[in-house]
Amino acid sequence: MRFRFVEENLGAVPTGRLCQIMNVSPRGLRAFRSRPISQSQRKDMVLLAHIREQHRLSLGSYGGHE
């Protein structure tokens, strides 16, 4: 979770500062970024794509609030 936050905010704040704030090492961040996507992350991405497609096809009503 901390590595993901650092990765998502790399453009806004220098990497070293982000690592310091989030208490992670730059080496750990590099290792995190080089890891392949896990099987569960792949499944989540497929599911999210399906949900987004159904939402689009239903003109925004799928998964929406009444």
N, C-alpha and C. Protein backbone atom coordinates (compact mmCIF):
# COMPACT_ATOMS: atom_id res chain seq x y z
N MET A 1 0.83 -1.18 0.00
CA MET A 1 0.00 0.00 0.00
C MET A 1 0.88 1.25 0.00
N ARG A 2 1.91 1.26 0.81
CA ARG A 2 2.81 2.42 0.86
C ARG A 2 3.55 2.59 -0.46
N PHE A 3 4.02 1.47 -1.01
CA PHE A 3 4.73 1.55 -2.29
C PHE A 3 3.81 2.07 -3.38
N ARG A 4 2.58 1.62 -3.38
CA ARG A 4 1.61 2.07 -4.39
C ARG A 4 1.39 3.58 -4.27
N PHE A 5 1.26 4.08 -3.05
CA PHE A 5 1.08 5.52 -2.84
C PHE A 5 2.28 6.29 -3.38
N VAL A 6 3.47 5.82 -3.07
CA VAL A 6 4.69 6.47 -3.56
C VAL A 6 4.69 6.47 -5.08
N GLU A 7 4.38 5.34 -5.68
CA GLU A 7 4.39 5.22 -7.13
C GLU A 7 3.37 6.17 -7.77
N GLU A 8 2.20 6.30 -7.19
CA GLU A 8 1.15 7.15 -7.74
C GLU A 8 1.46 8.64 -7.60
N ASN A 9 2.35 9.00 -6.70
CA ASN A 9 2.65 10.41 -6.46
C ASN A 9 4.06 10.81 -6.86
N LEU A 10 4.70 10.02 -7.70
CA LEU A 10 6.09 10.29 -8.07
C LEU A 10 6.27 11.63 -8.77
N GLY A 11 5.34 12.08 -9.55
CA GLY A 11 5.49 13.34 -10.27
C GLY A 11 5.32 14.56 -9.40
N ALA A 12 4.58 14.43 -8.32
CA ALA A 12 4.24 15.58 -7.48
C ALA A 12 5.33 15.91 -6.46
N VAL A 13 6.00 14.90 -5.97
CA VAL A 13 7.00 15.06 -4.91
C VAL A 13 8.23 14.24 -5.30
N PRO A 14 9.44 14.72 -5.00
CA PRO A 14 10.63 13.93 -5.31
C PRO A 14 10.60 12.54 -4.67
N THR A 15 11.12 11.57 -5.39
CA THR A 15 11.09 10.17 -4.94
C THR A 15 11.70 9.98 -3.56
N GLY A 16 12.86 10.56 -3.34
CA GLY A 16 13.52 10.40 -2.04
C GLY A 16 12.67 10.92 -0.89
N ARG A 17 12.03 12.05 -1.11
CA ARG A 17 11.17 12.64 -0.07
C ARG A 17 9.95 11.75 0.19
N LEU A 18 9.33 11.27 -0.89
CA LEU A 18 8.18 10.38 -0.73
C LEU A 18 8.56 9.11 0.04
N CYS A 19 9.70 8.55 -0.31
CA CYS A 19 10.15 7.34 0.39
C CYS A 19 10.38 7.62 1.87
N GLN A 20 10.95 8.77 2.16
CA GLN A 20 11.20 9.15 3.55
C GLN A 20 9.89 9.33 4.31
N ILE A 21 8.95 10.04 3.71
CA ILE A 21 7.65 10.30 4.35
C ILE A 21 6.90 8.98 4.61
N MET A 22 6.93 8.08 3.62
CA MET A 22 6.17 6.83 3.73
C MET A 22 6.97 5.71 4.41
N ASN A 23 8.20 6.04 4.84
CA ASN A 23 9.05 5.09 5.55
C ASN A 23 9.32 3.81 4.74
N VAL A 24 9.68 4.02 3.46
CA VAL A 24 10.09 2.91 2.60
C VAL A 24 11.46 3.26 2.01
N SER A 25 12.20 2.25 1.62
CA SER A 25 13.52 2.50 1.04
C SER A 25 13.39 2.64 -0.48
N PRO A 26 14.24 3.45 -1.09
CA PRO A 26 14.25 3.53 -2.55
C PRO A 26 14.51 2.17 -3.20
N ARG A 27 15.34 1.37 -2.56
CA ARG A 27 15.62 0.03 -3.08
C ARG A 27 14.36 -0.84 -3.04
N GLY A 28 13.60 -0.74 -1.95
CA GLY A 28 12.34 -1.47 -1.85
C GLY A 28 11.35 -1.02 -2.90
N LEU A 29 11.32 0.28 -3.18
CA LEU A 29 10.44 0.81 -4.21
C LEU A 29 10.81 0.24 -5.58
N ARG A 30 12.10 0.20 -5.88
CA ARG A 30 12.55 -0.37 -7.16
C ARG A 30 12.15 -1.84 -7.26
N ALA A 31 12.29 -2.58 -6.17
CA ALA A 31 11.90 -4.00 -6.16
C ALA A 31 10.40 -4.14 -6.39
N PHE A 32 9.62 -3.29 -5.74
CA PHE A 32 8.16 -3.32 -5.90
C PHE A 32 7.78 -3.06 -7.36
N ARG A 33 8.42 -2.08 -7.97
CA ARG A 33 8.10 -1.71 -9.34
C ARG A 33 8.51 -2.77 -10.35
N SER A 34 9.49 -3.60 -10.01
CA SER A 34 9.96 -4.61 -10.95
C SER A 34 9.22 -5.94 -10.81
N ARG A 35 8.40 -6.09 -9.77
CA ARG A 35 7.65 -7.34 -9.58
C ARG A 35 6.56 -7.48 -10.63
N PRO A 36 6.33 -8.70 -11.10
CA PRO A 36 5.23 -8.91 -12.04
C PRO A 36 3.89 -8.79 -11.32
N ILE A 37 2.86 -8.53 -12.10
CA ILE A 37 1.50 -8.42 -11.54
C ILE A 37 1.07 -9.80 -11.06
N SER A 38 0.48 -9.85 -9.87
CA SER A 38 0.05 -11.13 -9.30
C SER A 38 -1.22 -11.63 -10.00
N GLN A 39 -1.49 -12.91 -9.81
CA GLN A 39 -2.68 -13.52 -10.40
C GLN A 39 -3.96 -12.85 -9.89
N SER A 40 -4.02 -12.54 -8.61
CA SER A 40 -5.22 -11.89 -8.07
C SER A 40 -5.39 -10.48 -8.63
N GLN A 41 -4.28 -9.77 -8.86
CA GLN A 41 -4.38 -8.44 -9.46
C GLN A 41 -4.89 -8.55 -10.90
N ARG A 42 -4.45 -9.57 -11.62
CA ARG A 42 -4.93 -9.77 -12.99
C ARG A 42 -6.43 -10.03 -13.00
N LYS A 43 -6.89 -10.89 -12.08
CA LYS A 43 -8.32 -11.19 -11.99
C LYS A 43 -9.11 -9.93 -11.65
N ASP A 44 -8.59 -9.12 -10.73
CA ASP A 44 -9.26 -7.87 -10.37
C ASP A 44 -9.35 -6.93 -11.57
N MET A 45 -8.30 -6.87 -12.38
CA MET A 45 -8.30 -5.99 -13.55
C MET A 45 -9.34 -6.45 -14.57
N VAL A 46 -9.46 -7.76 -14.77
CA VAL A 46 -10.46 -8.30 -15.69
C VAL A 46 -11.86 -7.98 -15.17
N LEU A 47 -12.09 -8.19 -13.89
CA LEU A 47 -13.39 -7.91 -13.30
C LEU A 47 -13.73 -6.43 -13.41
N LEU A 48 -12.78 -5.56 -13.12
CA LEU A 48 -13.01 -4.12 -13.22
C LEU A 48 -13.34 -3.72 -14.65
N ALA A 49 -12.65 -4.29 -15.62
CA ALA A 49 -12.94 -3.99 -17.03
C ALA A 49 -14.36 -4.41 -17.38
N HIS A 50 -14.79 -5.57 -16.88
CA HIS A 50 -16.15 -6.06 -17.13
C HIS A 50 -17.18 -5.11 -16.50
N ILE A 51 -16.95 -4.71 -15.28
CA ILE A 51 -17.88 -3.81 -14.59
C ILE A 51 -17.97 -2.48 -15.33
N ARG A 52 -16.83 -1.94 -15.74
CA ARG A 52 -16.84 -0.66 -16.47
C ARG A 52 -17.59 -0.78 -17.79
N GLU A 53 -17.40 -1.90 -18.49
CA GLU A 53 -18.09 -2.11 -19.76
C GLU A 53 -19.60 -2.20 -19.54
N GLN A 54 -20.03 -2.94 -18.52
CA GLN A 54 -21.46 -3.05 -18.22
C GLN A 54 -22.04 -1.69 -17.81
N HIS A 55 -21.27 -0.93 -17.07
CA HIS A 55 -21.71 0.41 -16.66
C HIS A 55 -21.89 1.29 -17.89
N ARG A 56 -20.95 1.21 -18.81
CA ARG A 56 -21.03 2.00 -20.04
C ARG A 56 -22.23 1.57 -20.89
N LEU A 57 -22.42 0.25 -21.04
CA LEU A 57 -23.52 -0.26 -21.85
C LEU A 57 -24.89 0.07 -21.26
N SER A 58 -24.96 0.21 -19.94
CA SER A 58 -26.24 0.51 -19.29
C SER A 58 -26.44 2.02 -19.14
N LEU A 59 -25.61 2.80 -19.85
CA LEU A 59 -25.69 4.26 -19.81
C LEU A 59 -25.52 4.81 -18.40
N GLY A 60 -24.68 4.16 -17.64
CA GLY A 60 -24.34 4.64 -16.31
C GLY A 60 -25.25 4.16 -15.19
N SER A 61 -26.21 3.29 -15.50
CA SER A 61 -27.12 2.86 -14.44
C SER A 61 -26.60 1.63 -13.69
N TYR A 62 -25.76 0.80 -14.32
CA TYR A 62 -25.22 -0.39 -13.67
C TYR A 62 -24.30 0.02 -12.54
N GLY A 63 -24.64 -0.39 -11.33
CA GLY A 63 -23.82 -0.06 -10.18
C GLY A 63 -24.06 1.33 -9.63
N GLY A 64 -25.01 2.04 -10.20
CA GLY A 64 -25.29 3.41 -9.74
C GLY A 64 -26.25 3.43 -8.58
N HIS A 65 -26.36 4.58 -7.97
CA HIS A 65 -27.29 4.77 -6.85
C HIS A 65 -28.64 5.21 -7.39
N GLU A 66 -29.68 4.84 -6.68
CA GLU A 66 -31.03 5.23 -7.10
C GLU A 66 -31.38 6.59 -6.58
